[in-house]
Amino acid sequence: MNTDASTNMTTEQTTKTQSRRSFFQSFRQRVLGTKSMNNKEKQDQIKAAEVLEKEGDAAFVKHVFTDQDTGRGLTYAEMRDRYG
């Protein structure tokens, strides 16, 4: 592999990772500052964002469509009610 291409790819990946991390830190701060949600709702939002950040899209979709207390699948309307 070309060393320059490898370095550029690593730099690009690092930039994307830092950008995602910055977005999720900002998201957490916005959620925590929201007065229209109770603490459980805030924690649910933050946990869903963490799943997206650490495990990816498929895990996130599975997470938000599953009741975290019972394991029961949620309808689209129930998911929207919880996560917006």
PDB file of N, CA and C in Angstrom:
ATOM      1  N   MET A   1       0.840  -1.175   0.000  1.00  0.00           N
ATOM      2  CA  MET A   1       0.000   0.000   0.000  1.00  0.00           C
ATOM      3  C   MET A   1       0.882   1.234   0.000  1.00  0.00           C
ATOM      4  N   ASN A   2       0.491   2.234  -0.714  1.00  0.00           N
ATOM      5  CA  ASN A   2       1.205   3.495  -0.781  1.00  0.00           C
ATOM      6  C   ASN A   2       1.193   4.149   0.598  1.00  0.00           C
ATOM      7  N   THR A   3       2.346   4.538   1.096  1.00  0.00           N
ATOM      8  CA  THR A   3       2.457   5.122   2.431  1.00  0.00           C
ATOM      9  C   THR A   3       1.666   6.419   2.528  1.00  0.00           C
ATOM     10  N   ASP A   4       1.734   7.255   1.496  1.00  0.00           N
ATOM     11  CA  ASP A   4       0.986   8.514   1.510  1.00  0.00           C
ATOM     12  C   ASP A   4      -0.519   8.254   1.579  1.00  0.00           C
ATOM     13  N   ALA A   5      -0.996   7.297   0.805  1.00  0.00           N
ATOM     14  CA  ALA A   5      -2.419   6.960   0.825  1.00  0.00           C
ATOM     15  C   ALA A   5      -2.812   6.421   2.184  1.00  0.00           C
ATOM     16  N   SER A   6      -1.963   5.599   2.770  1.00  0.00           N
ATOM     17  CA  SER A   6      -2.234   5.048   4.091  1.00  0.00           C
ATOM     18  C   SER A   6      -2.291   6.159   5.142  1.00  0.00           C
ATOM     19  N   THR A   7      -1.355   7.093   5.067  1.00  0.00           N
ATOM     20  CA  THR A   7      -1.335   8.216   6.005  1.00  0.00           C
ATOM     21  C   THR A   7      -2.577   9.084   5.834  1.00  0.00           C
ATOM     22  N   ASN A   8      -2.953   9.353   4.587  1.00  0.00           N
ATOM     23  CA  ASN A   8      -4.143  10.154   4.326  1.00  0.00           C
ATOM     24  C   ASN A   8      -5.395   9.474   4.850  1.00  0.00           C
ATOM     25  N   MET A   9      -5.485   8.148   4.676  1.00  0.00           N
ATOM     26  CA  MET A   9      -6.645   7.405   5.160  1.00  0.00           C
ATOM     27  C   MET A   9      -6.697   7.476   6.687  1.00  0.00           C
ATOM     28  N   THR A  10      -5.568   7.308   7.336  1.00  0.00           N
ATOM     29  CA  THR A  10      -5.522   7.365   8.794  1.00  0.00           C
ATOM     30  C   THR A  10      -5.915   8.760   9.274  1.00  0.00           C
ATOM     31  N   THR A  11      -5.415   9.785   8.628  1.00  0.00           N
ATOM     32  CA  THR A  11      -5.757  11.159   8.986  1.00  0.00           C
ATOM     33  C   THR A  11      -7.244  11.413   8.791  1.00  0.00           C
ATOM     34  N   GLU A  12      -7.793  10.925   7.692  1.00  0.00           N
ATOM     35  CA  GLU A  12      -9.222  11.088   7.419  1.00  0.00           C
ATOM     36  C   GLU A  12     -10.059  10.359   8.468  1.00  0.00           C
ATOM     37  N   GLN A  13      -9.665   9.136   8.822  1.00  0.00           N
ATOM     38  CA  GLN A  13     -10.388   8.383   9.840  1.00  0.00           C
ATOM     39  C   GLN A  13     -10.321   9.089  11.187  1.00  0.00           C
ATOM     40  N   THR A  14      -9.153   9.610  11.537  1.00  0.00           N
ATOM     41  CA  THR A  14      -8.986  10.327  12.798  1.00  0.00           C
ATOM     42  C   THR A  14      -9.878  11.557  12.830  1.00  0.00           C
ATOM     43  N   THR A  15      -9.923  12.287  11.734  1.00  0.00           N
ATOM     44  CA  THR A  15     -10.761  13.485  11.643  1.00  0.00           C
ATOM     45  C   THR A  15     -12.231  13.130  11.806  1.00  0.00           C
ATOM     46  N   LYS A  16     -12.679  12.061  11.143  1.00  0.00           N
ATOM     47  CA  LYS A  16     -14.075  11.626  11.265  1.00  0.00           C
ATOM     48  C   LYS A  16     -14.385  11.202  12.696  1.00  0.00           C
ATOM     49  N   THR A  17     -13.484  10.467  13.320  1.00  0.00           N
ATOM     50  CA  THR A  17     -13.678  10.013  14.694  1.00  0.00           C
ATOM     51  C   THR A  17     -13.783  11.208  15.637  1.00  0.00           C
ATOM     52  N   GLN A  18     -12.894  12.179  15.471  1.00  0.00           N
ATOM     53  CA  GLN A  18     -12.927  13.367  16.318  1.00  0.00           C
ATOM     54  C   GLN A  18     -14.209  14.159  16.087  1.00  0.00           C
ATOM     55  N   SER A  19     -14.653  14.245  14.848  1.00  0.00           N
ATOM     56  CA  SER A  19     -15.881  14.962  14.527  1.00  0.00           C
ATOM     57  C   SER A  19     -17.086  14.282  15.166  1.00  0.00           C
ATOM     58  N   ARG A  20     -17.146  12.946  15.069  1.00  0.00           N
ATOM     59  CA  ARG A  20     -18.248  12.196  15.691  1.00  0.00           C
ATOM     60  C   ARG A  20     -18.231  12.379  17.200  1.00  0.00           C
ATOM     61  N   ARG A  21     -17.053  12.286  17.793  1.00  0.00           N
ATOM     62  CA  ARG A  21     -16.921  12.440  19.243  1.00  0.00           C
ATOM     63  C   ARG A  21     -17.398  13.826  19.671  1.00  0.00           C
ATOM     64  N   SER A  22     -17.007  14.847  18.928  1.00  0.00           N
ATOM     65  CA  SER A  22     -17.419  16.220  19.222  1.00  0.00           C
ATOM     66  C   SER A  22     -18.935  16.359  19.116  1.00  0.00           C
ATOM     67  N   PHE A  23     -19.523  15.763  18.063  1.00  0.00           N
ATOM     68  CA  PHE A  23     -20.974  15.815  17.899  1.00  0.00           C
ATOM     69  C   PHE A  23     -21.680  15.177  19.089  1.00  0.00           C
ATOM     70  N   PHE A  24     -21.243  13.993  19.499  1.00  0.00           N
ATOM     71  CA  PHE A  24     -21.922  13.300  20.588  1.00  0.00           C
ATOM     72  C   PHE A  24     -21.720  14.000  21.926  1.00  0.00           C
ATOM     73  N   GLN A  25     -20.573  14.620  22.149  1.00  0.00           N
ATOM     74  CA  GLN A  25     -20.376  15.404  23.373  1.00  0.00           C
ATOM     75  C   GLN A  25     -21.331  16.594  23.383  1.00  0.00           C
ATOM     76  N   SER A  26     -21.466  17.257  22.252  1.00  0.00           N
ATOM     77  CA  SER A  26     -22.388  18.385  22.133  1.00  0.00           C
ATOM     78  C   SER A  26     -23.832  17.918  22.326  1.00  0.00           C
ATOM     79  N   PHE A  27     -24.174  16.772  21.736  1.00  0.00           N
ATOM     80  CA  PHE A  27     -25.517  16.218  21.878  1.00  0.00           C
ATOM     81  C   PHE A  27     -25.834  15.950  23.345  1.00  0.00           C
ATOM     82  N   ARG A  28     -24.907  15.324  24.054  1.00  0.00           N
ATOM     83  CA  ARG A  28     -25.121  15.039  25.477  1.00  0.00           C
ATOM     84  C   ARG A  28     -25.382  16.322  26.264  1.00  0.00           C
ATOM     85  N   GLN A  29     -24.610  17.353  25.989  1.00  0.00           N
ATOM     86  CA  GLN A  29     -24.783  18.623  26.696  1.00  0.00           C
ATOM     87  C   GLN A  29     -26.154  19.240  26.394  1.00  0.00           C
ATOM     88  N   ARG A  30     -26.589  19.180  25.127  1.00  0.00           N
ATOM     89  CA  ARG A  30     -27.905  19.720  24.768  1.00  0.00           C
ATOM     90  C   ARG A  30     -29.012  18.941  25.463  1.00  0.00           C
ATOM     91  N   VAL A  31     -28.899  17.617  25.484  1.00  0.00           N
ATOM     92  CA  VAL A  31     -29.930  16.796  26.130  1.00  0.00           C
ATOM     93  C   VAL A  31     -29.971  17.095  27.626  1.00  0.00           C
ATOM     94  N   LEU A  32     -28.823  17.126  28.264  1.00  0.00           N
ATOM     95  CA  LEU A  32     -28.786  17.383  29.702  1.00  0.00           C
ATOM     96  C   LEU A  32     -29.342  18.758  30.050  1.00  0.00           C
ATOM     97  N   GLY A  33     -29.223  19.714  29.133  1.00  0.00           N
ATOM     98  CA  GLY A  33     -29.731  21.057  29.366  1.00  0.00           C
ATOM     99  C   GLY A  33     -31.199  21.242  29.026  1.00  0.00           C
ATOM    100  N   THR A  34     -31.826  20.219  28.456  1.00  0.00           N
ATOM    101  CA  THR A  34     -33.226  20.305  28.055  1.00  0.00           C
ATOM    102  C   THR A  34     -34.123  20.242  29.278  1.00  0.00           C
ATOM    103  N   LYS A  35     -35.005  21.229  29.411  1.00  0.00           N
ATOM    104  CA  LYS A  35     -35.902  21.280  30.565  1.00  0.00           C
ATOM    105  C   LYS A  35     -37.215  20.531  30.321  1.00  0.00           C
ATOM    106  N   SER A  36     -37.509  20.200  29.071  1.00  0.00           N
ATOM    107  CA  SER A  36     -38.785  19.554  28.754  1.00  0.00           C
ATOM    108  C   SER A  36     -38.745  18.033  28.899  1.00  0.00           C
ATOM    109  N   MET A  37     -37.597  17.473  29.312  1.00  0.00           N
ATOM    110  CA  MET A  37     -37.478  16.016  29.500  1.00  0.00           C
ATOM    111  C   MET A  37     -37.159  15.727  30.960  1.00  0.00           C
ATOM    112  N   ASN A  38     -37.713  14.613  31.465  1.00  0.00           N
ATOM    113  CA  ASN A  38     -37.325  14.197  32.812  1.00  0.00           C
ATOM    114  C   ASN A  38     -35.982  13.457  32.733  1.00  0.00           C
ATOM    115  N   ASN A  39     -35.408  13.124  33.886  1.00  0.00           N
ATOM    116  CA  ASN A  39     -34.075  12.501  33.906  1.00  0.00           C
ATOM    117  C   ASN A  39     -34.024  11.166  33.179  1.00  0.00           C
ATOM    118  N   LYS A  40     -35.072  10.332  33.300  1.00  0.00           N
ATOM    119  CA  LYS A  40     -35.079   9.043  32.604  1.00  0.00           C
ATOM    120  C   LYS A  40     -35.063   9.255  31.093  1.00  0.00           C
ATOM    121  N   GLU A  41     -35.871  10.201  30.611  1.00  0.00           N
ATOM    122  CA  GLU A  41     -35.895  10.494  29.172  1.00  0.00           C
ATOM    123  C   GLU A  41     -34.529  10.973  28.697  1.00  0.00           C
ATOM    124  N   LYS A  42     -33.898  11.825  29.489  1.00  0.00           N
ATOM    125  CA  LYS A  42     -32.565  12.309  29.134  1.00  0.00           C
ATOM    126  C   LYS A  42     -31.566  11.155  29.063  1.00  0.00           C
ATOM    127  N   GLN A  43     -31.596  10.286  30.058  1.00  0.00           N
ATOM    128  CA  GLN A  43     -30.665   9.156  30.081  1.00  0.00           C
ATOM    129  C   GLN A  43     -30.929   8.199  28.924  1.00  0.00           C
ATOM    130  N   ASP A  44     -32.207   8.011  28.576  1.00  0.00           N
ATOM    131  CA  ASP A  44     -32.550   7.156  27.432  1.00  0.00           C
ATOM    132  C   ASP A  44     -31.994   7.738  26.130  1.00  0.00           C
ATOM    133  N   GLN A  45     -32.116   9.054  25.960  1.00  0.00           N
ATOM    134  CA  GLN A  45     -31.591   9.718  24.768  1.00  0.00           C
ATOM    135  C   GLN A  45     -30.070   9.570  24.689  1.00  0.00           C
ATOM    136  N   ILE A  46     -29.411   9.788  25.811  1.00  0.00           N
ATOM    137  CA  ILE A  46     -27.950   9.699  25.854  1.00  0.00           C
ATOM    138  C   ILE A  46     -27.494   8.272  25.579  1.00  0.00           C
ATOM    139  N   LYS A  47     -28.172   7.286  26.164  1.00  0.00           N
ATOM    140  CA  LYS A  47     -27.810   5.885  25.941  1.00  0.00           C
ATOM    141  C   LYS A  47     -27.968   5.524  24.463  1.00  0.00           C
ATOM    142  N   ALA A  48     -29.043   5.975  23.836  1.00  0.00           N
ATOM    143  CA  ALA A  48     -29.256   5.694  22.415  1.00  0.00           C
ATOM    144  C   ALA A  48     -28.127   6.309  21.579  1.00  0.00           C
ATOM    145  N   ALA A  49     -27.718   7.519  21.929  1.00  0.00           N
ATOM    146  CA  ALA A  49     -26.615   8.168  21.200  1.00  0.00           C
ATOM    147  C   ALA A  49     -25.310   7.399  21.402  1.00  0.00           C
ATOM    148  N   GLU A  50     -25.094   6.894  22.611  1.00  0.00           N
ATOM    149  CA  GLU A  50     -23.885   6.104  22.872  1.00  0.00           C
ATOM    150  C   GLU A  50     -23.877   4.821  22.051  1.00  0.00           C
ATOM    151  N   VAL A  51     -25.030   4.177  21.933  1.00  0.00           N
ATOM    152  CA  VAL A  51     -25.132   2.963  21.115  1.00  0.00           C
ATOM    153  C   VAL A  51     -24.783   3.299  19.665  1.00  0.00           C
ATOM    154  N   LEU A  52     -25.334   4.391  19.156  1.00  0.00           N
ATOM    155  CA  LEU A  52     -25.033   4.805  17.784  1.00  0.00           C
ATOM    156  C   LEU A  52     -23.553   5.080  17.618  1.00  0.00           C
ATOM    157  N   GLU A  53     -22.974   5.793  18.556  1.00  0.00           N
ATOM    158  CA  GLU A  53     -21.562   6.170  18.474  1.00  0.00           C
ATOM    159  C   GLU A  53     -20.637   4.954  18.541  1.00  0.00           C
ATOM    160  N   LYS A  54     -20.914   4.036  19.452  1.00  0.00           N
ATOM    161  CA  LYS A  54     -19.989   2.931  19.708  1.00  0.00           C
ATOM    162  C   LYS A  54     -20.276   1.670  18.908  1.00  0.00           C
ATOM    163  N   GLU A  55     -21.564   1.433  18.585  1.00  0.00           N
ATOM    164  CA  GLU A  55     -21.929   0.160  17.963  1.00  0.00           C
ATOM    165  C   GLU A  55     -22.447   0.279  16.533  1.00  0.00           C
ATOM    166  N   GLY A  56     -22.782   1.496  16.106  1.00  0.00           N
ATOM    167  CA  GLY A  56     -23.198   1.702  14.729  1.00  0.00           C
ATOM    168  C   GLY A  56     -24.700   1.758  14.520  1.00  0.00           C
ATOM    169  N   ASP A  57     -25.048   1.957  13.254  1.00  0.00           N
ATOM    170  CA  ASP A  57     -26.441   2.195  12.865  1.00  0.00           C
ATOM    171  C   ASP A  57     -27.379   1.039  13.204  1.00  0.00           C
ATOM    172  N   ALA A  58     -26.992  -0.179  12.850  1.00  0.00           N
ATOM    173  CA  ALA A  58     -27.883  -1.332  13.052  1.00  0.00           C
ATOM    174  C   ALA A  58     -28.193  -1.535  14.536  1.00  0.00           C
ATOM    175  N   ALA A  59     -27.183  -1.418  15.374  1.00  0.00           N
ATOM    176  CA  ALA A  59     -27.389  -1.575  16.822  1.00  0.00           C
ATOM    177  C   ALA A  59     -28.269  -0.451  17.360  1.00  0.00           C
ATOM    178  N   PHE A  60     -28.098   0.760  16.820  1.00  0.00           N
ATOM    179  CA  PHE A  60     -28.912   1.896  17.240  1.00  0.00           C
ATOM    180  C   PHE A  60     -30.380   1.652  16.922  1.00  0.00           C
ATOM    181  N   VAL A  61     -30.666   1.227  15.692  1.00  0.00           N
ATOM    182  CA  VAL A  61     -32.050   0.974  15.294  1.00  0.00           C
ATOM    183  C   VAL A  61     -32.663  -0.103  16.183  1.00  0.00           C
ATOM    184  N   LYS A  62     -31.918  -1.168  16.418  1.00  0.00           N
ATOM    185  CA  LYS A  62     -32.412  -2.231  17.303  1.00  0.00           C
ATOM    186  C   LYS A  62     -32.679  -1.670  18.702  1.00  0.00           C
ATOM    187  N   HIS A  63     -31.771  -0.844  19.193  1.00  0.00           N
ATOM    188  CA  HIS A  63     -31.902  -0.273  20.540  1.00  0.00           C
ATOM    189  C   HIS A  63     -33.168   0.581  20.667  1.00  0.00           C
ATOM    190  N   VAL A  64     -33.383   1.505  19.723  1.00  0.00           N
ATOM    191  CA  VAL A  64     -34.517   2.419  19.863  1.00  0.00           C
ATOM    192  C   VAL A  64     -35.864   1.749  19.589  1.00  0.00           C
ATOM    193  N   PHE A  65     -35.850   0.599  18.941  1.00  0.00           N
ATOM    194  CA  PHE A  65     -37.100  -0.128  18.709  1.00  0.00           C
ATOM    195  C   PHE A  65     -37.323  -1.239  19.738  1.00  0.00           C
ATOM    196  N   THR A  66     -36.560  -1.216  20.834  1.00  0.00           N
ATOM    197  CA  THR A  66     -36.702  -2.206  21.902  1.00  0.00           C
ATOM    198  C   THR A  66     -36.906  -1.493  23.223  1.00  0.00           C
ATOM    199  N   ASP A  67     -37.932  -1.899  23.981  1.00  0.00           N
ATOM    200  CA  ASP A  67     -38.137  -1.355  25.327  1.00  0.00           C
ATOM    201  C   ASP A  67     -36.991  -1.856  26.197  1.00  0.00           C
ATOM    202  N   GLN A  68     -36.205  -0.950  26.740  1.00  0.00           N
ATOM    203  CA  GLN A  68     -35.007  -1.328  27.483  1.00  0.00           C
ATOM    204  C   GLN A  68     -35.324  -1.973  28.839  1.00  0.00           C
ATOM    205  N   ASP A  69     -36.528  -1.765  29.353  1.00  0.00           N
ATOM    206  CA  ASP A  69     -36.918  -2.381  30.627  1.00  0.00           C
ATOM    207  C   ASP A  69     -37.458  -3.793  30.456  1.00  0.00           C
ATOM    208  N   THR A  70     -38.204  -4.034  29.359  1.00  0.00           N
ATOM    209  CA  THR A  70     -38.867  -5.328  29.194  1.00  0.00           C
ATOM    210  C   THR A  70     -38.321  -6.169  28.045  1.00  0.00           C
ATOM    211  N   GLY A  71     -37.627  -5.534  27.099  1.00  0.00           N
ATOM    212  CA  GLY A  71     -37.141  -6.255  25.921  1.00  0.00           C
ATOM    213  C   GLY A  71     -38.184  -6.376  24.826  1.00  0.00           C
ATOM    214  N   ARG A  72     -39.375  -5.835  25.058  1.00  0.00           N
ATOM    215  CA  ARG A  72     -40.460  -5.892  24.081  1.00  0.00           C
ATOM    216  C   ARG A  72     -40.158  -4.969  22.912  1.00  0.00           C
ATOM    217  N   GLY A  73     -40.482  -5.427  21.711  1.00  0.00           N
ATOM    218  CA  GLY A  73     -40.323  -4.584  20.536  1.00  0.00           C
ATOM    219  C   GLY A  73     -41.301  -3.428  20.558  1.00  0.00           C
ATOM    220  N   LEU A  74     -40.868  -2.278  20.079  1.00  0.00           N
ATOM    221  CA  LEU A  74     -41.713  -1.089  20.040  1.00  0.00           C
ATOM    222  C   LEU A  74     -42.237  -0.855  18.632  1.00  0.00           C
ATOM    223  N   THR A  75     -43.421  -0.299  18.550  1.00  0.00           N
ATOM    224  CA  THR A  75     -43.931   0.136  17.262  1.00  0.00           C
ATOM    225  C   THR A  75     -43.211   1.426  16.878  1.00  0.00           C
ATOM    226  N   TYR A  76     -43.370   1.814  15.631  1.00  0.00           N
ATOM    227  CA  TYR A  76     -42.771   3.068  15.180  1.00  0.00           C
ATOM    228  C   TYR A  76     -43.289   4.240  16.021  1.00  0.00           C
ATOM    229  N   ALA A  77     -44.599   4.256  16.282  1.00  0.00           N
ATOM    230  CA  ALA A  77     -45.197   5.344  17.063  1.00  0.00           C
ATOM    231  C   ALA A  77     -44.628   5.381  18.493  1.00  0.00           C
ATOM    232  N   GLU A  78     -44.449   4.212  19.090  1.00  0.00           N
ATOM    233  CA  GLU A  78     -43.875   4.167  20.443  1.00  0.00           C
ATOM    234  C   GLU A  78     -42.421   4.663  20.439  1.00  0.00           C
ATOM    235  N   MET A  79     -41.675   4.263  19.436  1.00  0.00           N
ATOM    236  CA  MET A  79     -40.290   4.713  19.347  1.00  0.00           C
ATOM    237  C   MET A  79     -40.234   6.230  19.196  1.00  0.00           C
ATOM    238  N   ARG A  80     -41.079   6.785  18.328  1.00  0.00           N
ATOM    239  CA  ARG A  80     -41.091   8.238  18.121  1.00  0.00           C
ATOM    240  C   ARG A  80     -41.509   8.966  19.388  1.00  0.00           C
ATOM    241  N   ASP A  81     -42.427   8.390  20.133  1.00  0.00           N
ATOM    242  CA  ASP A  81     -42.869   9.003  21.382  1.00  0.00           C
ATOM    243  C   ASP A  81     -41.714   9.095  22.380  1.00  0.00           C
ATOM    244  N   ARG A  82     -40.854   8.096  22.373  1.00  0.00           N
ATOM    245  CA  ARG A  82     -39.717   8.079  23.315  1.00  0.00           C
ATOM    246  C   ARG A  82     -38.526   8.893  22.841  1.00  0.00           C
ATOM    247  N   TYR A  83     -38.239   8.850  21.554  1.00  0.00           N
ATOM    248  CA  TYR A  83     -37.009   9.438  21.043  1.00  0.00           C
ATOM    249  C   TYR A  83     -37.208  10.634  20.117  1.00  0.00           C
ATOM    250  N   GLY A  84     -38.450  10.932  19.791  1.00  0.00           N
ATOM    251  CA  GLY A  84     -38.708  12.102  18.950  1.00  0.00           C
ATOM    252  C   GLY A  84     -38.665  11.825  17.477  1.00  0.00           C
TER     253      GLY A  84
END
